[in-house]
Amino acid sequence: MLDTSFLIRLLKENETLHTNAKAYFKYFLDQNISMLCSTIAVAEYCVKGNIEELPLPKLKLSPFNITHAIKAGEIARILFEQRRQGSLQLTLRDIIPNDSKLIAQTIVEKVDGYVTCDIESQKLVKALYKDNATLQPFVFMDMNVRLPEFLGTLDFEQ
């Protein structure tokens, strides 16, 4: 699952993580890894970008549906309760409903990984698994980490 932050960094050359996003994107293409993109991420991207900029032919679009909505409600309930109890603390923002929706789609669609540079999203995912170990597990891919480091491979290109 590609988070909106991934799409922004991939398509905006002046972004600090543009090189990392391109490396992840190329890796996914080279390895024939299907890239799921939620219509929610498309909507978020289109706030400041244009749909024509998105590499739609290389992505599998996932419309947000009723099953996703039900799971998103469950997730938001868990996260809001953890925040109320003080066990979940987020920096400089509330729990963003779109994060809960994207995580819900990732879980419902049994996607293997979620790629983003949003560390706050990682806090949400960790909080969910702490609360409910039966959720479909997936790999959280932090774009702040260069691809070779994430994969544990040697990188001769510095």
N, C-alpha and C. Protein backbone atom coordinates (compact mmCIF):
# COMPACT_ATOMS: atom_id res chain seq x y z
N MET A 1 0.86 -1.18 0.00
CA MET A 1 0.00 0.00 0.00
C MET A 1 0.90 1.23 0.00
N LEU A 2 0.62 2.13 -0.91
CA LEU A 2 1.38 3.38 -1.00
C LEU A 2 0.62 4.48 -0.28
N ASP A 3 1.26 5.06 0.69
CA ASP A 3 0.70 6.19 1.42
C ASP A 3 0.85 7.46 0.58
N THR A 4 0.03 8.44 0.87
CA THR A 4 0.10 9.72 0.15
C THR A 4 1.49 10.34 0.24
N SER A 5 2.12 10.22 1.40
CA SER A 5 3.45 10.81 1.56
C SER A 5 4.45 10.18 0.58
N PHE A 6 4.27 8.90 0.27
CA PHE A 6 5.12 8.24 -0.71
C PHE A 6 4.91 8.86 -2.09
N LEU A 7 3.66 9.03 -2.48
CA LEU A 7 3.36 9.60 -3.80
C LEU A 7 3.93 11.00 -3.94
N ILE A 8 3.81 11.80 -2.90
CA ILE A 8 4.33 13.17 -2.93
C ILE A 8 5.84 13.15 -3.13
N ARG A 9 6.53 12.33 -2.34
CA ARG A 9 8.00 12.27 -2.45
C ARG A 9 8.45 11.69 -3.78
N LEU A 10 7.69 10.75 -4.31
CA LEU A 10 8.03 10.16 -5.60
C LEU A 10 7.92 11.17 -6.74
N LEU A 11 6.90 12.00 -6.70
CA LEU A 11 6.58 12.86 -7.84
C LEU A 11 7.08 14.29 -7.73
N LYS A 12 7.54 14.69 -6.57
CA LYS A 12 8.04 16.05 -6.38
C LYS A 12 9.55 16.01 -6.20
N GLU A 13 10.29 16.36 -7.23
CA GLU A 13 11.75 16.24 -7.22
C GLU A 13 12.43 17.08 -6.15
N ASN A 14 11.78 18.13 -5.70
CA ASN A 14 12.40 19.00 -4.69
C ASN A 14 12.20 18.48 -3.25
N GLU A 15 11.48 17.38 -3.08
CA GLU A 15 11.26 16.80 -1.76
C GLU A 15 12.53 16.10 -1.28
N THR A 16 12.81 16.18 0.01
CA THR A 16 14.05 15.62 0.55
C THR A 16 14.14 14.10 0.38
N LEU A 17 13.04 13.40 0.37
CA LEU A 17 13.07 11.94 0.25
C LEU A 17 12.76 11.45 -1.16
N HIS A 18 12.87 12.34 -2.13
CA HIS A 18 12.57 11.97 -3.52
C HIS A 18 13.43 10.80 -3.99
N THR A 19 14.72 10.83 -3.71
CA THR A 19 15.62 9.76 -4.14
C THR A 19 15.23 8.44 -3.50
N ASN A 20 14.89 8.46 -2.22
CA ASN A 20 14.46 7.23 -1.55
C ASN A 20 13.17 6.69 -2.16
N ALA A 21 12.22 7.57 -2.42
CA ALA A 21 10.95 7.14 -3.01
C ALA A 21 11.17 6.53 -4.38
N LYS A 22 12.02 7.14 -5.18
CA LYS A 22 12.32 6.58 -6.51
C LYS A 22 12.96 5.20 -6.39
N ALA A 23 13.84 5.02 -5.42
CA ALA A 23 14.50 3.72 -5.23
C ALA A 23 13.48 2.65 -4.84
N TYR A 24 12.59 2.96 -3.92
CA TYR A 24 11.55 2.00 -3.53
C TYR A 24 10.65 1.67 -4.73
N PHE A 25 10.23 2.70 -5.46
CA PHE A 25 9.35 2.52 -6.62
C PHE A 25 10.02 1.63 -7.66
N LYS A 26 11.27 1.90 -7.97
CA LYS A 26 12.01 1.10 -8.95
C LYS A 26 12.14 -0.34 -8.46
N TYR A 27 12.43 -0.51 -7.18
CA TYR A 27 12.55 -1.85 -6.61
C TYR A 27 11.23 -2.61 -6.77
N PHE A 28 10.12 -1.97 -6.43
CA PHE A 28 8.82 -2.63 -6.56
C PHE A 28 8.56 -3.03 -8.01
N LEU A 29 8.89 -2.14 -8.94
CA LEU A 29 8.71 -2.46 -10.36
C LEU A 29 9.62 -3.61 -10.78
N ASP A 30 10.90 -3.53 -10.43
CA ASP A 30 11.88 -4.56 -10.82
C ASP A 30 11.52 -5.93 -10.25
N GLN A 31 10.94 -5.95 -9.05
CA GLN A 31 10.60 -7.21 -8.38
C GLN A 31 9.16 -7.66 -8.68
N ASN A 32 8.48 -6.93 -9.57
CA ASN A 32 7.08 -7.22 -9.90
C ASN A 32 6.18 -7.25 -8.67
N ILE A 33 6.45 -6.32 -7.76
CA ILE A 33 5.63 -6.18 -6.55
C ILE A 33 4.47 -5.26 -6.88
N SER A 34 3.28 -5.78 -6.72
CA SER A 34 2.08 -5.00 -7.01
C SER A 34 1.98 -3.84 -6.03
N MET A 35 1.74 -2.66 -6.55
CA MET A 35 1.62 -1.46 -5.71
C MET A 35 0.16 -1.04 -5.66
N LEU A 36 -0.41 -1.19 -4.47
CA LEU A 36 -1.80 -0.82 -4.26
C LEU A 36 -1.85 0.65 -3.84
N CYS A 37 -2.75 1.38 -4.45
CA CYS A 37 -2.92 2.79 -4.12
C CYS A 37 -4.40 3.04 -3.87
N SER A 38 -4.70 3.51 -2.68
CA SER A 38 -6.08 3.79 -2.31
C SER A 38 -6.59 5.05 -3.01
N THR A 39 -7.87 5.05 -3.29
CA THR A 39 -8.47 6.27 -3.83
C THR A 39 -8.41 7.40 -2.80
N ILE A 40 -8.24 7.05 -1.54
CA ILE A 40 -8.06 8.06 -0.50
C ILE A 40 -6.72 8.78 -0.71
N ALA A 41 -5.66 8.01 -1.00
CA ALA A 41 -4.35 8.62 -1.26
C ALA A 41 -4.40 9.47 -2.52
N VAL A 42 -5.15 9.03 -3.51
CA VAL A 42 -5.30 9.83 -4.74
C VAL A 42 -5.97 11.16 -4.40
N ALA A 43 -7.03 11.10 -3.60
CA ALA A 43 -7.73 12.33 -3.21
C ALA A 43 -6.80 13.27 -2.44
N GLU A 44 -6.03 12.72 -1.50
CA GLU A 44 -5.09 13.55 -0.74
C GLU A 44 -4.04 14.16 -1.65
N TYR A 45 -3.53 13.37 -2.58
CA TYR A 45 -2.51 13.89 -3.50
C TYR A 45 -3.08 15.03 -4.34
N CYS A 46 -4.31 14.87 -4.78
CA CYS A 46 -4.92 15.87 -5.67
C CYS A 46 -5.25 17.19 -4.99
N VAL A 47 -5.06 17.28 -3.68
CA VAL A 47 -5.23 18.57 -2.99
C VAL A 47 -4.25 19.59 -3.57
N LYS A 48 -3.00 19.16 -3.79
CA LYS A 48 -1.99 20.08 -4.33
C LYS A 48 -1.40 19.61 -5.66
N GLY A 49 -1.71 18.38 -6.05
CA GLY A 49 -1.19 17.85 -7.30
C GLY A 49 -2.32 17.52 -8.26
N ASN A 50 -1.94 17.03 -9.42
CA ASN A 50 -2.92 16.66 -10.45
C ASN A 50 -2.90 15.17 -10.68
N ILE A 51 -4.05 14.60 -10.93
CA ILE A 51 -4.15 13.16 -11.13
C ILE A 51 -3.27 12.69 -12.29
N GLU A 52 -3.06 13.56 -13.29
CA GLU A 52 -2.23 13.20 -14.44
C GLU A 52 -0.77 12.93 -14.05
N GLU A 53 -0.35 13.45 -12.91
CA GLU A 53 1.02 13.25 -12.45
C GLU A 53 1.24 11.84 -11.88
N LEU A 54 0.18 11.21 -11.43
CA LEU A 54 0.29 9.91 -10.78
C LEU A 54 0.61 8.81 -11.80
N PRO A 55 1.47 7.85 -11.43
CA PRO A 55 1.81 6.75 -12.35
C PRO A 55 0.74 5.66 -12.33
N LEU A 56 -0.51 6.04 -12.63
CA LEU A 56 -1.65 5.14 -12.49
C LEU A 56 -1.50 3.82 -13.26
N PRO A 57 -0.91 3.81 -14.46
CA PRO A 57 -0.78 2.52 -15.15
C PRO A 57 0.08 1.50 -14.39
N LYS A 58 0.93 1.97 -13.50
CA LYS A 58 1.81 1.08 -12.74
C LYS A 58 1.24 0.72 -11.37
N LEU A 59 0.07 1.26 -11.05
CA LEU A 59 -0.54 1.07 -9.74
C LEU A 59 -1.84 0.29 -9.86
N LYS A 60 -2.16 -0.42 -8.80
CA LYS A 60 -3.46 -1.07 -8.69
C LYS A 60 -4.30 -0.19 -7.76
N LEU A 61 -5.35 0.43 -8.30
CA LEU A 61 -6.18 1.31 -7.48
C LEU A 61 -7.15 0.50 -6.64
N SER A 62 -7.31 0.93 -5.40
CA SER A 62 -8.24 0.29 -4.48
C SER A 62 -9.27 1.31 -4.01
N PRO A 63 -10.49 1.23 -4.53
CA PRO A 63 -11.54 2.12 -4.06
C PRO A 63 -11.89 1.81 -2.60
N PHE A 64 -12.13 2.84 -1.83
CA PHE A 64 -12.53 2.68 -0.43
C PHE A 64 -13.98 2.19 -0.41
N ASN A 65 -14.23 1.02 0.20
CA ASN A 65 -15.57 0.45 0.17
C ASN A 65 -16.14 0.26 1.58
N ILE A 66 -17.31 -0.35 1.66
CA ILE A 66 -18.00 -0.50 2.95
C ILE A 66 -17.22 -1.39 3.93
N THR A 67 -16.57 -2.44 3.43
CA THR A 67 -15.78 -3.30 4.29
C THR A 67 -14.61 -2.53 4.89
N HIS A 68 -13.97 -1.70 4.05
CA HIS A 68 -12.89 -0.84 4.54
C HIS A 68 -13.41 0.14 5.58
N ALA A 69 -14.61 0.68 5.33
CA ALA A 69 -15.20 1.67 6.24
C ALA A 69 -15.47 1.07 7.62
N ILE A 70 -15.98 -0.14 7.64
CA ILE A 70 -16.26 -0.81 8.92
C ILE A 70 -14.96 -1.02 9.69
N LYS A 71 -13.93 -1.52 9.01
CA LYS A 71 -12.63 -1.75 9.66
C LYS A 71 -12.02 -0.43 10.12
N ALA A 72 -12.16 0.63 9.31
CA ALA A 72 -11.62 1.95 9.68
C ALA A 72 -12.29 2.47 10.95
N GLY A 73 -13.57 2.23 11.09
CA GLY A 73 -14.27 2.62 12.31
C GLY A 73 -13.74 1.88 13.52
N GLU A 74 -13.52 0.58 13.37
CA GLU A 74 -12.95 -0.22 14.47
C GLU A 74 -11.57 0.30 14.86
N ILE A 75 -10.76 0.57 13.85
CA ILE A 75 -9.39 1.06 14.09
C ILE A 75 -9.41 2.42 14.78
N ALA A 76 -10.23 3.32 14.28
CA ALA A 76 -10.31 4.66 14.88
C ALA A 76 -10.78 4.57 16.33
N ARG A 77 -11.73 3.70 16.60
CA ARG A 77 -12.22 3.52 17.97
C ARG A 77 -11.08 3.10 18.90
N ILE A 78 -10.28 2.12 18.46
CA ILE A 78 -9.15 1.64 19.26
C ILE A 78 -8.15 2.78 19.49
N LEU A 79 -7.82 3.50 18.43
CA LEU A 79 -6.81 4.56 18.53
C LEU A 79 -7.28 5.73 19.39
N PHE A 80 -8.55 6.13 19.22
CA PHE A 80 -9.07 7.23 20.03
C PHE A 80 -9.10 6.82 21.51
N GLU A 81 -9.44 5.57 21.80
CA GLU A 81 -9.45 5.10 23.19
C GLU A 81 -8.03 5.09 23.76
N GLN A 82 -7.07 4.63 22.99
CA GLN A 82 -5.69 4.63 23.47
C GLN A 82 -5.20 6.06 23.71
N ARG A 83 -5.58 6.96 22.84
CA ARG A 83 -5.17 8.36 23.04
C ARG A 83 -5.84 8.92 24.30
N ARG A 84 -7.11 8.60 24.49
CA ARG A 84 -7.82 9.09 25.67
C ARG A 84 -7.19 8.57 26.96
N GLN A 85 -6.73 7.31 26.93
CA GLN A 85 -6.10 6.70 28.10
C GLN A 85 -4.66 7.15 28.29
N GLY A 86 -4.09 7.81 27.27
CA GLY A 86 -2.73 8.30 27.37
C GLY A 86 -1.66 7.32 26.90
N SER A 87 -2.07 6.17 26.38
CA SER A 87 -1.08 5.19 25.91
C SER A 87 -0.64 5.45 24.47
N LEU A 88 -1.33 6.34 23.77
CA LEU A 88 -0.94 6.73 22.42
C LEU A 88 -0.77 8.24 22.39
N GLN A 89 0.44 8.67 22.08
CA GLN A 89 0.73 10.09 22.01
C GLN A 89 1.26 10.40 20.62
N LEU A 90 0.63 11.35 19.97
CA LEU A 90 1.02 11.75 18.63
C LEU A 90 1.61 13.15 18.67
N THR A 91 2.59 13.38 17.83
CA THR A 91 3.27 14.66 17.77
C THR A 91 2.55 15.61 16.81
N LEU A 92 2.16 16.75 17.31
CA LEU A 92 1.67 17.86 16.49
C LEU A 92 0.44 17.58 15.65
N ARG A 93 -0.36 16.57 16.01
CA ARG A 93 -1.59 16.36 15.25
C ARG A 93 -2.49 15.38 15.97
N ASP A 94 -3.73 15.41 15.57
CA ASP A 94 -4.69 14.43 16.05
C ASP A 94 -4.54 13.18 15.19
N ILE A 95 -5.25 12.12 15.60
CA ILE A 95 -5.30 10.94 14.74
C ILE A 95 -6.03 11.36 13.48
N ILE A 96 -5.38 11.22 12.37
CA ILE A 96 -5.96 11.62 11.10
C ILE A 96 -6.88 10.51 10.60
N PRO A 97 -8.14 10.82 10.34
CA PRO A 97 -9.06 9.78 9.87
C PRO A 97 -8.56 9.06 8.61
N ASN A 98 -7.89 9.77 7.72
CA ASN A 98 -7.41 9.12 6.50
C ASN A 98 -6.35 8.07 6.81
N ASP A 99 -5.51 8.28 7.82
CA ASP A 99 -4.54 7.26 8.21
C ASP A 99 -5.26 5.98 8.62
N SER A 100 -6.31 6.11 9.43
CA SER A 100 -7.08 4.94 9.85
C SER A 100 -7.70 4.24 8.65
N LYS A 101 -8.15 5.01 7.69
CA LYS A 101 -8.76 4.42 6.49
C LYS A 101 -7.73 3.66 5.66
N LEU A 102 -6.55 4.25 5.46
CA LEU A 102 -5.51 3.57 4.68
C LEU A 102 -5.02 2.31 5.38
N ILE A 103 -4.87 2.37 6.69
CA ILE A 103 -4.46 1.19 7.45
C ILE A 103 -5.54 0.12 7.35
N ALA A 104 -6.81 0.53 7.44
CA ALA A 104 -7.92 -0.42 7.31
C ALA A 104 -7.89 -1.12 5.95
N GLN A 105 -7.67 -0.36 4.88
CA GLN A 105 -7.59 -0.97 3.56
C GLN A 105 -6.43 -1.95 3.48
N THR A 106 -5.31 -1.59 4.06
CA THR A 106 -4.14 -2.46 4.06
C THR A 106 -4.46 -3.79 4.73
N ILE A 107 -5.16 -3.72 5.86
CA ILE A 107 -5.51 -4.92 6.62
C ILE A 107 -6.57 -5.74 5.89
N VAL A 108 -7.65 -5.10 5.46
CA VAL A 108 -8.75 -5.81 4.80
C VAL A 108 -8.28 -6.49 3.51
N GLU A 109 -7.45 -5.79 2.74
CA GLU A 109 -6.98 -6.34 1.47
C GLU A 109 -5.80 -7.30 1.64
N LYS A 110 -5.39 -7.52 2.91
CA LYS A 110 -4.27 -8.42 3.23
C LYS A 110 -3.00 -8.07 2.45
N VAL A 111 -2.72 -6.76 2.43
CA VAL A 111 -1.53 -6.25 1.76
C VAL A 111 -0.32 -6.56 2.63
N ASP A 112 0.80 -6.91 2.00
CA ASP A 112 2.00 -7.32 2.72
C ASP A 112 2.79 -6.16 3.31
N GLY A 113 2.66 -4.96 2.73
CA GLY A 113 3.47 -3.85 3.20
C GLY A 113 2.78 -2.51 3.04
N TYR A 114 3.25 -1.54 3.82
CA TYR A 114 2.71 -0.18 3.82
C TYR A 114 3.91 0.75 3.77
N VAL A 115 4.04 1.52 2.69
CA VAL A 115 5.22 2.37 2.53
C VAL A 115 4.84 3.84 2.69
N THR A 116 5.58 4.52 3.58
CA THR A 116 5.31 5.90 3.91
C THR A 116 6.56 6.51 4.54
N CYS A 117 6.58 7.82 4.65
CA CYS A 117 7.63 8.47 5.44
C CYS A 117 7.03 9.08 6.70
N ASP A 118 5.77 8.81 6.94
CA ASP A 118 5.03 9.36 8.08
C ASP A 118 5.24 8.49 9.32
N ILE A 119 6.13 8.92 10.19
CA ILE A 119 6.44 8.16 11.39
C ILE A 119 5.23 8.08 12.33
N GLU A 120 4.38 9.08 12.30
CA GLU A 120 3.17 9.04 13.13
C GLU A 120 2.28 7.87 12.73
N SER A 121 2.25 7.52 11.44
CA SER A 121 1.49 6.35 11.00
C SER A 121 2.04 5.08 11.64
N GLN A 122 3.36 5.02 11.78
CA GLN A 122 3.97 3.86 12.40
C GLN A 122 3.51 3.73 13.86
N LYS A 123 3.38 4.86 14.54
CA LYS A 123 2.87 4.83 15.92
C LYS A 123 1.46 4.24 15.95
N LEU A 124 0.64 4.61 14.96
CA LEU A 124 -0.73 4.10 14.91
C LEU A 124 -0.73 2.59 14.71
N VAL A 125 0.11 2.11 13.79
CA VAL A 125 0.17 0.68 13.50
C VAL A 125 0.64 -0.09 14.74
N LYS A 126 1.69 0.40 15.39
CA LYS A 126 2.18 -0.27 16.61
C LYS A 126 1.10 -0.29 17.69
N ALA A 127 0.38 0.81 17.83
CA ALA A 127 -0.68 0.88 18.84
C ALA A 127 -1.78 -0.15 18.53
N LEU A 128 -2.11 -0.30 17.28
CA LEU A 128 -3.15 -1.27 16.90
C LEU A 128 -2.75 -2.69 17.23
N TYR A 129 -1.51 -3.04 16.93
CA TYR A 129 -1.07 -4.42 17.18
C TYR A 129 -0.85 -4.69 18.65
N LYS A 130 -0.56 -3.65 19.40
CA LYS A 130 -0.45 -3.81 20.85
C LYS A 130 -1.83 -4.13 21.42
N ASP A 131 -2.85 -3.52 20.86
CA ASP A 131 -4.22 -3.69 21.35
C ASP A 131 -4.89 -4.95 20.82
N ASN A 132 -4.53 -5.36 19.60
CA ASN A 132 -5.24 -6.46 18.97
C ASN A 132 -4.28 -7.28 18.11
N ALA A 133 -3.76 -8.35 18.67
CA ALA A 133 -2.76 -9.17 17.98
C ALA A 133 -3.35 -9.98 16.84
N THR A 134 -4.68 -9.98 16.68
CA THR A 134 -5.29 -10.78 15.61
C THR A 134 -5.37 -10.03 14.28
N LEU A 135 -4.95 -8.78 14.25
CA LEU A 135 -5.00 -8.03 13.01
C LEU A 135 -4.02 -8.62 11.99
N GLN A 136 -4.37 -8.53 10.72
CA GLN A 136 -3.50 -8.99 9.64
C GLN A 136 -2.18 -8.23 9.70
N PRO A 137 -1.06 -8.92 9.91
CA PRO A 137 0.23 -8.22 9.99
C PRO A 137 0.71 -7.76 8.62
N PHE A 138 1.44 -6.67 8.60
CA PHE A 138 2.07 -6.20 7.38
C PHE A 138 3.37 -5.49 7.74
N VAL A 139 4.25 -5.39 6.77
CA VAL A 139 5.54 -4.74 6.97
C VAL A 139 5.37 -3.24 6.82
N PHE A 140 5.84 -2.49 7.80
CA PHE A 140 5.82 -1.03 7.73
C PHE A 140 7.15 -0.60 7.11
N MET A 141 7.10 0.00 5.93
CA MET A 141 8.31 0.42 5.21
C MET A 141 8.48 1.92 5.39
N ASP A 142 9.48 2.31 6.12
CA ASP A 142 9.76 3.71 6.43
C ASP A 142 10.69 4.27 5.35
N MET A 143 10.17 5.15 4.52
CA MET A 143 10.96 5.76 3.44
C MET A 143 12.09 6.64 3.94
N ASN A 144 12.07 6.97 5.23
CA ASN A 144 13.20 7.71 5.79
C ASN A 144 14.45 6.85 5.80
N VAL A 145 14.25 5.54 5.71
CA VAL A 145 15.34 4.57 5.66
C VAL A 145 15.62 4.26 4.19
N ARG A 146 16.88 4.42 3.79
CA ARG A 146 17.25 4.13 2.41
C ARG A 146 16.97 2.66 2.11
N LEU A 147 16.58 2.37 0.89
CA LEU A 147 16.19 1.02 0.49
C LEU A 147 17.25 -0.03 0.81
N PRO A 148 18.53 0.18 0.49
CA PRO A 148 19.52 -0.86 0.82
C PRO A 148 19.57 -1.18 2.31
N GLU A 149 19.43 -0.15 3.13
CA GLU A 149 19.43 -0.37 4.59
C GLU A 149 18.19 -1.15 5.00
N PHE A 150 17.05 -0.79 4.43
CA PHE A 150 15.80 -1.50 4.74
C PHE A 150 15.91 -2.97 4.34
N LEU A 151 16.48 -3.23 3.17
CA LEU A 151 16.61 -4.60 2.67
C LEU A 151 17.78 -5.35 3.30
N GLY A 152 18.69 -4.61 3.95
CA GLY A 152 19.87 -5.23 4.53
C GLY A 152 20.87 -5.66 3.48
N THR A 153 20.98 -4.86 2.41
CA THR A 153 21.91 -5.19 1.33
C THR A 153 23.03 -4.16 1.26
N LEU A 154 24.08 -4.51 0.55
CA LEU A 154 25.18 -3.58 0.33
C LEU A 154 24.78 -2.55 -0.70
N ASP A 155 25.25 -1.34 -0.52
CA ASP A 155 24.94 -0.26 -1.45
C ASP A 155 26.25 0.39 -1.87
N PHE A 156 26.62 0.21 -3.12
CA PHE A 156 27.86 0.78 -3.62
C PHE A 156 27.67 2.18 -4.19
N GLU A 157 26.41 2.58 -4.31
CA GLU A 157 26.12 3.94 -4.80
C GLU A 157 25.85 4.83 -3.60
N GLN A 158 26.73 5.72 -3.30
CA GLN A 158 26.53 6.64 -2.18
C GLN A 158 26.04 7.90 -2.72
